[in-house]
């Protein structure tokens, strides 16, 4: 099974939560292509609210506490290379997430970081389909 399929089907996250994770990591890694693509997916496929998408893209506090805890934990995993800070971990657990979710975040961070790095090196151009969400670091 592919990593994306594992993340999408077995992580225990809703489609909205999945996009919060992936968009958080894409913004942290400053991947212009993935920020545009996941903004599009978040809006048009996963039905994430504009307020949440805008907050993620602009590195602002999310309007929903549960999404904020999830985003901060995902970024902490990426930033601290698998050693999330205790506050982010505590906030994630207090928001109702479990160890299954922790593993799901790790999967999402890993696959998104891999994708971000490929796009950085190959200088992937944003597809016309995602143009409305073009983003610059």
Foldseek 3Di string as FASTA:
>chain_A
DDLVCCLCPPLPDQLLLLLLLLLLLCLLLFQQQSLLVSLCCNVPPRNPDPQQNVCSQVVHQGPDQQSNLSSQQLSQCVVVVNPRDPVSVVSNVVSPDDPSNVVSSVSSNVVSVVVSVVCVVVVDDHDPSSVVRGHGD
